[in-house]
PDB file of N, CA and C in Angstrom:
ATOM      1  N   UNK A   1     168.811  43.941  49.582  1.00  0.00           N
ATOM      2  CA  UNK A   1     167.573  44.442  49.888  1.00  0.00           C
ATOM      3  C   UNK A   1     165.821  44.890  49.021  1.00  0.00           C
ATOM      4  N   UNK A   2     165.471  45.012  50.001  1.00  0.00           N
ATOM      5  CA  UNK A   2     163.475  45.499  49.339  1.00  0.00           C
ATOM      6  C   UNK A   2     163.568  46.474  49.521  1.00  0.00           C
ATOM      7  N   UNK A   3     162.491  47.367  48.811  1.00  0.00           N
ATOM      8  CA  UNK A   3     161.647  48.766  48.693  1.00  0.00           C
ATOM      9  C   UNK A   3     160.406  48.413  48.635  1.00  0.00           C
ATOM     10  N   UNK A   4     159.978  48.698  50.105  1.00  0.00           N
ATOM     11  CA  UNK A   4     158.496  47.740  50.490  1.00  0.00           C
ATOM     12  C   UNK A   4     158.121  49.502  51.104  1.00  0.00           C
ATOM     13  N   UNK A   5     156.510  48.886  51.249  1.00  0.00           N
ATOM     14  CA  UNK A   5     156.282  50.679  52.004  1.00  0.00           C
ATOM     15  C   UNK A   5     154.604  49.726  51.892  1.00  0.00           C
ATOM     16  N   UNK A   6     154.573  50.493  53.945  1.00  0.00           N
ATOM     17  CA  UNK A   6     153.129  49.709  54.687  1.00  0.00           C
ATOM     18  C   UNK A   6     152.918  51.194  55.224  1.00  0.00           C
ATOM     19  N   UNK A   7     151.495  50.715  55.106  1.00  0.00           N
ATOM     20  CA  UNK A   7     150.313  52.198  55.200  1.00  0.00           C
ATOM     21  C   UNK A   7     149.389  50.884  55.851  1.00  0.00           C
ATOM     22  N   UNK A   8     148.652  51.955  56.867  1.00  0.00           N
ATOM     23  CA  UNK A   8     147.001  51.789  57.206  1.00  0.00           C
ATOM     24  C   UNK A   8     145.739  52.618  56.335  1.00  0.00           C
ATOM     25  N   UNK A   9     144.673  52.246  55.278  1.00  0.00           N
ATOM     26  CA  UNK A   9     144.312  53.220  55.123  1.00  0.00           C
ATOM     27  C   UNK A   9     143.545  53.221  55.588  1.00  0.00           C
ATOM     28  N   UNK A  10     142.258  53.840  55.869  1.00  0.00           N
ATOM     29  CA  UNK A  10     141.189  54.545  56.963  1.00  0.00           C
ATOM     30  C   UNK A  10     140.196  54.854  55.334  1.00  0.00           C
ATOM     31  N   UNK A  11     138.633  54.065  55.879  1.00  0.00           N
ATOM     32  CA  UNK A  11     137.902  54.182  54.745  1.00  0.00           C
ATOM     33  C   UNK A  11     137.180  55.972  54.980  1.00  0.00           C
ATOM     34  N   UNK A  12     137.536  55.952  57.003  1.00  0.00           N
ATOM     35  CA  UNK A  12     136.777  57.887  56.805  1.00  0.00           C
ATOM     36  C   UNK A  12     138.040  58.730  55.778  1.00  0.00           C
ATOM     37  N   UNK A  13     139.778  58.670  55.913  1.00  0.00           N
ATOM     38  CA  UNK A  13     140.401  60.051  55.231  1.00  0.00           C
ATOM     39  C   UNK A  13     140.442  58.865  53.702  1.00  0.00           C
ATOM     40  N   UNK A  14     139.612  57.854  53.769  1.00  0.00           N
ATOM     41  CA  UNK A  14     139.942  57.930  51.495  1.00  0.00           C
ATOM     42  C   UNK A  14     138.954  57.651  51.296  1.00  0.00           C
ATOM     43  N   UNK A  15     137.550  58.033  51.161  1.00  0.00           N
ATOM     44  CA  UNK A  15     136.109  57.062  51.285  1.00  0.00           C
ATOM     45  C   UNK A  15     135.953  56.921  49.264  1.00  0.00           C
ATOM     46  N   UNK A  16     137.098  57.974  48.945  1.00  0.00           N
ATOM     47  CA  UNK A  16     136.953  57.342  47.298  1.00  0.00           C
ATOM     48  C   UNK A  16     137.482  56.092  46.926  1.00  0.00           C
ATOM     49  N   UNK A  17     138.492  56.133  47.532  1.00  0.00           N
ATOM     50  CA  UNK A  17     139.503  55.079  47.181  1.00  0.00           C
ATOM     51  C   UNK A  17     139.892  54.148  48.242  1.00  0.00           C
ATOM     52  N   UNK A  18     138.572  54.090  48.798  1.00  0.00           N
ATOM     53  CA  UNK A  18     139.501  52.540  50.050  1.00  0.00           C
ATOM     54  C   UNK A  18     139.278  51.353  48.938  1.00  0.00           C
ATOM     55  N   UNK A  19     138.185  51.052  48.478  1.00  0.00           N
ATOM     56  CA  UNK A  19     137.341  49.868  48.574  1.00  0.00           C
ATOM     57  C   UNK A  19     138.538  49.272  46.910  1.00  0.00           C
ATOM     58  N   UNK A  20     139.260  50.740  46.515  1.00  0.00           N
ATOM     59  CA  UNK A  20     139.554  50.417  45.364  1.00  0.00           C
ATOM     60  C   UNK A  20     141.578  49.135  45.635  1.00  0.00           C
ATOM     61  N   UNK A  21     141.479  49.256  47.183  1.00  0.00           N
ATOM     62  CA  UNK A  21     142.652  48.748  47.788  1.00  0.00           C
ATOM     63  C   UNK A  21     142.265  47.493  47.705  1.00  0.00           C
ATOM     64  N   UNK A  22     142.336  46.602  46.848  1.00  0.00           N
ATOM     65  CA  UNK A  22     142.674  45.266  47.049  1.00  0.00           C
ATOM     66  C   UNK A  22     144.627  45.068  46.977  1.00  0.00           C
ATOM     67  N   UNK A  23     144.940  43.231  46.656  1.00  0.00           N
ATOM     68  CA  UNK A  23     145.851  42.317  47.190  1.00  0.00           C
ATOM     69  C   UNK A  23     145.947  43.153  45.222  1.00  0.00           C
ATOM     70  N   UNK A  24     147.526  42.574  45.099  1.00  0.00           N
ATOM     71  CA  UNK A  24     147.593  42.784  43.704  1.00  0.00           C
ATOM     72  C   UNK A  24     147.248  43.747  42.839  1.00  0.00           C
ATOM     73  N   UNK A  25     146.933  44.852  43.249  1.00  0.00           N
ATOM     74  CA  UNK A  25     146.488  46.287  43.207  1.00  0.00           C
ATOM     75  C   UNK A  25     147.724  47.287  43.260  1.00  0.00           C
ATOM     76  N   UNK A  26     147.885  48.463  41.864  1.00  0.00           N
ATOM     77  CA  UNK A  26     149.382  48.910  42.570  1.00  0.00           C
ATOM     78  C   UNK A  26     148.528  50.417  42.821  1.00  0.00           C
ATOM     79  N   UNK A  27     149.315  51.199  43.411  1.00  0.00           N
ATOM     80  CA  UNK A  27     149.000  51.884  44.176  1.00  0.00           C
ATOM     81  C   UNK A  27     150.622  52.966  43.870  1.00  0.00           C
ATOM     82  N   UNK A  28     150.465  54.475  44.230  1.00  0.00           N
ATOM     83  CA  UNK A  28     151.871  55.111  44.019  1.00  0.00           C
ATOM     84  C   UNK A  28     151.729  55.926  44.833  1.00  0.00           C
ATOM     85  N   UNK A  29     153.156  56.358  45.917  1.00  0.00           N
ATOM     86  CA  UNK A  29     153.880  56.676  46.997  1.00  0.00           C
ATOM     87  C   UNK A  29     154.634  57.791  46.244  1.00  0.00           C
ATOM     88  N   UNK A  30     155.041  58.807  46.409  1.00  0.00           N
ATOM     89  CA  UNK A  30     156.562  59.633  46.678  1.00  0.00           C
ATOM     90  C   UNK A  30     156.526  59.149  45.181  1.00  0.00           C
ATOM     91  N   UNK A  31     156.517  59.775  44.516  1.00  0.00           N
ATOM     92  CA  UNK A  31     156.529  59.090  42.980  1.00  0.00           C
ATOM     93  C   UNK A  31     156.765  58.317  42.274  1.00  0.00           C
ATOM     94  N   UNK A  32     156.648  56.453  43.533  1.00  0.00           N
ATOM     95  CA  UNK A  32     157.018  55.115  43.584  1.00  0.00           C
ATOM     96  C   UNK A  32     155.450  54.341  43.028  1.00  0.00           C
ATOM     97  N   UNK A  33     155.790  53.283  42.530  1.00  0.00           N
ATOM     98  CA  UNK A  33     154.604  52.936  42.101  1.00  0.00           C
ATOM     99  C   UNK A  33     154.503  51.447  43.056  1.00  0.00           C
ATOM    100  N   UNK A  34     153.875  50.850  43.704  1.00  0.00           N
ATOM    101  CA  UNK A  34     154.260  49.619  44.234  1.00  0.00           C
ATOM    102  C   UNK A  34     152.525  48.968  44.103  1.00  0.00           C
ATOM    103  N   UNK A  35     153.162  47.800  43.914  1.00  0.00           N
ATOM    104  CA  UNK A  35     151.650  46.806  44.130  1.00  0.00           C
ATOM    105  C   UNK A  35     152.047  45.829  45.699  1.00  0.00           C
ATOM    106  N   UNK A  36     150.866  45.751  45.811  1.00  0.00           N
ATOM    107  CA  UNK A  36     150.536  45.098  47.452  1.00  0.00           C
ATOM    108  C   UNK A  36     149.642  44.170  47.366  1.00  0.00           C
ATOM    109  N   UNK A  37     150.917  43.156  48.174  1.00  0.00           N
ATOM    110  CA  UNK A  37     151.015  41.826  48.562  1.00  0.00           C
ATOM    111  C   UNK A  37     150.705  41.404  49.154  1.00  0.00           C
ATOM    112  N   UNK A  38     150.345  42.211  50.823  1.00  0.00           N
ATOM    113  CA  UNK A  38     149.166  41.815  51.894  1.00  0.00           C
ATOM    114  C   UNK A  38     148.528  42.727  52.243  1.00  0.00           C
ATOM    115  N   UNK A  39     147.561  42.324  52.509  1.00  0.00           N
ATOM    116  CA  UNK A  39     146.192  43.414  52.759  1.00  0.00           C
ATOM    117  C   UNK A  39     145.185  42.533  54.293  1.00  0.00           C
ATOM    118  N   UNK A  40     145.266  42.803  55.349  1.00  0.00           N
ATOM    119  CA  UNK A  40     144.665  42.785  56.544  1.00  0.00           C
ATOM    120  C   UNK A  40     144.007  43.633  57.002  1.00  0.00           C
ATOM    121  N   UNK A  41     142.453  43.661  57.367  1.00  0.00           N
ATOM    122  CA  UNK A  41     141.930  44.405  58.028  1.00  0.00           C
ATOM    123  C   UNK A  41     141.511  44.594  59.703  1.00  0.00           C
ATOM    124  N   UNK A  42     141.539  45.661  59.640  1.00  0.00           N
ATOM    125  CA  UNK A  42     142.220  46.016  61.519  1.00  0.00           C
ATOM    126  C   UNK A  42     140.560  45.621  62.312  1.00  0.00           C
ATOM    127  N   UNK A  43     140.380  45.502  63.118  1.00  0.00           N
ATOM    128  CA  UNK A  43     139.165  45.278  63.781  1.00  0.00           C
ATOM    129  C   UNK A  43     138.826  46.374  64.383  1.00  0.00           C
ATOM    130  N   UNK A  44     139.333  47.814  64.249  1.00  0.00           N
ATOM    131  CA  UNK A  44     138.681  48.487  65.445  1.00  0.00           C
ATOM    132  C   UNK A  44     139.158  49.713  63.590  1.00  0.00           C
ATOM    133  N   UNK A  45     137.559  49.892  63.708  1.00  0.00           N
ATOM    134  CA  UNK A  45     136.745  50.898  62.669  1.00  0.00           C
ATOM    135  C   UNK A  45     136.951  50.588  61.308  1.00  0.00           C
ATOM    136  N   UNK A  46     136.779  50.936  60.701  1.00  0.00           N
ATOM    137  CA  UNK A  46     137.397  50.334  59.096  1.00  0.00           C
ATOM    138  C   UNK A  46     138.727  50.683  58.132  1.00  0.00           C
ATOM    139  N   UNK A  47     139.457  50.545  58.776  1.00  0.00           N
ATOM    140  CA  UNK A  47     141.380  50.072  58.162  1.00  0.00           C
ATOM    141  C   UNK A  47     141.884  49.249  57.320  1.00  0.00           C
ATOM    142  N   UNK A  48     142.139  49.018  57.093  1.00  0.00           N
ATOM    143  CA  UNK A  48     143.215  48.343  56.441  1.00  0.00           C
ATOM    144  C   UNK A  48     144.586  49.063  56.448  1.00  0.00           C
ATOM    145  N   UNK A  49     145.328  47.349  56.584  1.00  0.00           N
ATOM    146  CA  UNK A  49     146.808  47.599  56.668  1.00  0.00           C
ATOM    147  C   UNK A  49     147.115  46.398  55.578  1.00  0.00           C
ATOM    148  N   UNK A  50     148.310  47.499  54.884  1.00  0.00           N
ATOM    149  CA  UNK A  50     148.912  46.312  53.440  1.00  0.00           C
ATOM    150  C   UNK A  50     150.317  46.769  53.684  1.00  0.00           C
ATOM    151  N   UNK A  51     150.702  46.073  53.184  1.00  0.00           N
ATOM    152  CA  UNK A  51     152.439  45.525  52.859  1.00  0.00           C
ATOM    153  C   UNK A  51     152.390  45.553  50.919  1.00  0.00           C
ATOM    154  N   UNK A  52     153.178  46.749  50.836  1.00  0.00           N
ATOM    155  CA  UNK A  52     153.447  46.400  49.399  1.00  0.00           C
ATOM    156  C   UNK A  52     154.382  46.458  48.914  1.00  0.00           C
ATOM    157  N   UNK A  53     155.224  45.526  47.832  1.00  0.00           N
ATOM    158  CA  UNK A  53     156.441  46.020  47.152  1.00  0.00           C
ATOM    159  C   UNK A  53     156.385  46.723  46.258  1.00  0.00           C
ATOM    160  N   UNK A  54     158.196  47.632  45.571  1.00  0.00           N
ATOM    161  CA  UNK A  54     157.553  47.933  44.725  1.00  0.00           C
ATOM    162  C   UNK A  54     157.593  46.808  43.705  1.00  0.00           C
ATOM    163  N   UNK A  55     157.018  48.060  42.023  1.00  0.00           N
ATOM    164  CA  UNK A  55     157.386  46.992  40.881  1.00  0.00           C
ATOM    165  C   UNK A  55     158.045  46.538  40.349  1.00  0.00           C
ATOM    166  N   UNK A  56     159.347  46.819  40.959  1.00  0.00           N
ATOM    167  CA  UNK A  56     160.516  46.745  40.213  1.00  0.00           C
ATOM    168  C   UNK A  56     160.791  45.201  40.802  1.00  0.00           C
ATOM    169  N   UNK A  57     160.147  44.320  41.094  1.00  0.00           N
ATOM    170  CA  UNK A  57     159.820  43.094  41.588  1.00  0.00           C
ATOM    171  C   UNK A  57     158.844  42.152  40.038  1.00  0.00           C
ATOM    172  N   UNK A  58     158.870  43.388  40.282  1.00  0.00           N
ATOM    173  CA  UNK A  58     157.120  42.630  38.867  1.00  0.00           C
ATOM    174  C   UNK A  58     158.470  42.036  37.431  1.00  0.00           C
ATOM    175  N   UNK A  59     159.132  43.305  37.525  1.00  0.00           N
ATOM    176  CA  UNK A  59     159.342  42.875  35.792  1.00  0.00           C
ATOM    177  C   UNK A  59     160.362  41.772  35.965  1.00  0.00           C
ATOM    178  N   UNK A  60     161.276  42.033  37.381  1.00  0.00           N
ATOM    179  CA  UNK A  60     162.494  40.360  37.394  1.00  0.00           C
ATOM    180  C   UNK A  60     161.328  39.819  37.089  1.00  0.00           C
ATOM    181  N   UNK A  61     160.488  38.771  37.301  1.00  0.00           N
ATOM    182  CA  UNK A  61     159.325  37.627  36.807  1.00  0.00           C
ATOM    183  C   UNK A  61     159.128  37.861  35.386  1.00  0.00           C
ATOM    184  N   UNK A  62     158.931  38.597  34.660  1.00  0.00           N
ATOM    185  CA  UNK A  62     158.567  39.063  33.439  1.00  0.00           C
ATOM    186  C   UNK A  62     159.777  38.734  32.268  1.00  0.00           C
ATOM    187  N   UNK A  63     161.203  38.786  32.773  1.00  0.00           N
ATOM    188  CA  UNK A  63     162.310  38.925  31.549  1.00  0.00           C
ATOM    189  C   UNK A  63     162.413  37.192  32.543  1.00  0.00           C
ATOM    190  N   UNK A  64     162.176  36.526  33.158  1.00  0.00           N
ATOM    191  CA  UNK A  64     161.981  34.886  32.391  1.00  0.00           C
ATOM    192  C   UNK A  64     161.821  34.311  32.154  1.00  0.00           C
TER     193      UNK A  64
END
């Protein structure tokens, strides 16, 4: 089971944080933290489409 978050973020709706949305950065949604793993810019408008995983998966690698 994976705990993932996918979303589209537009510069118009998120002018202050849009440039902070980069691969491997952490975002918070619904009280959970997610690490951005895949990021694509959409050709229409200034929009980023992202796939992120819960930070739980970060802790798996630290423990090994």
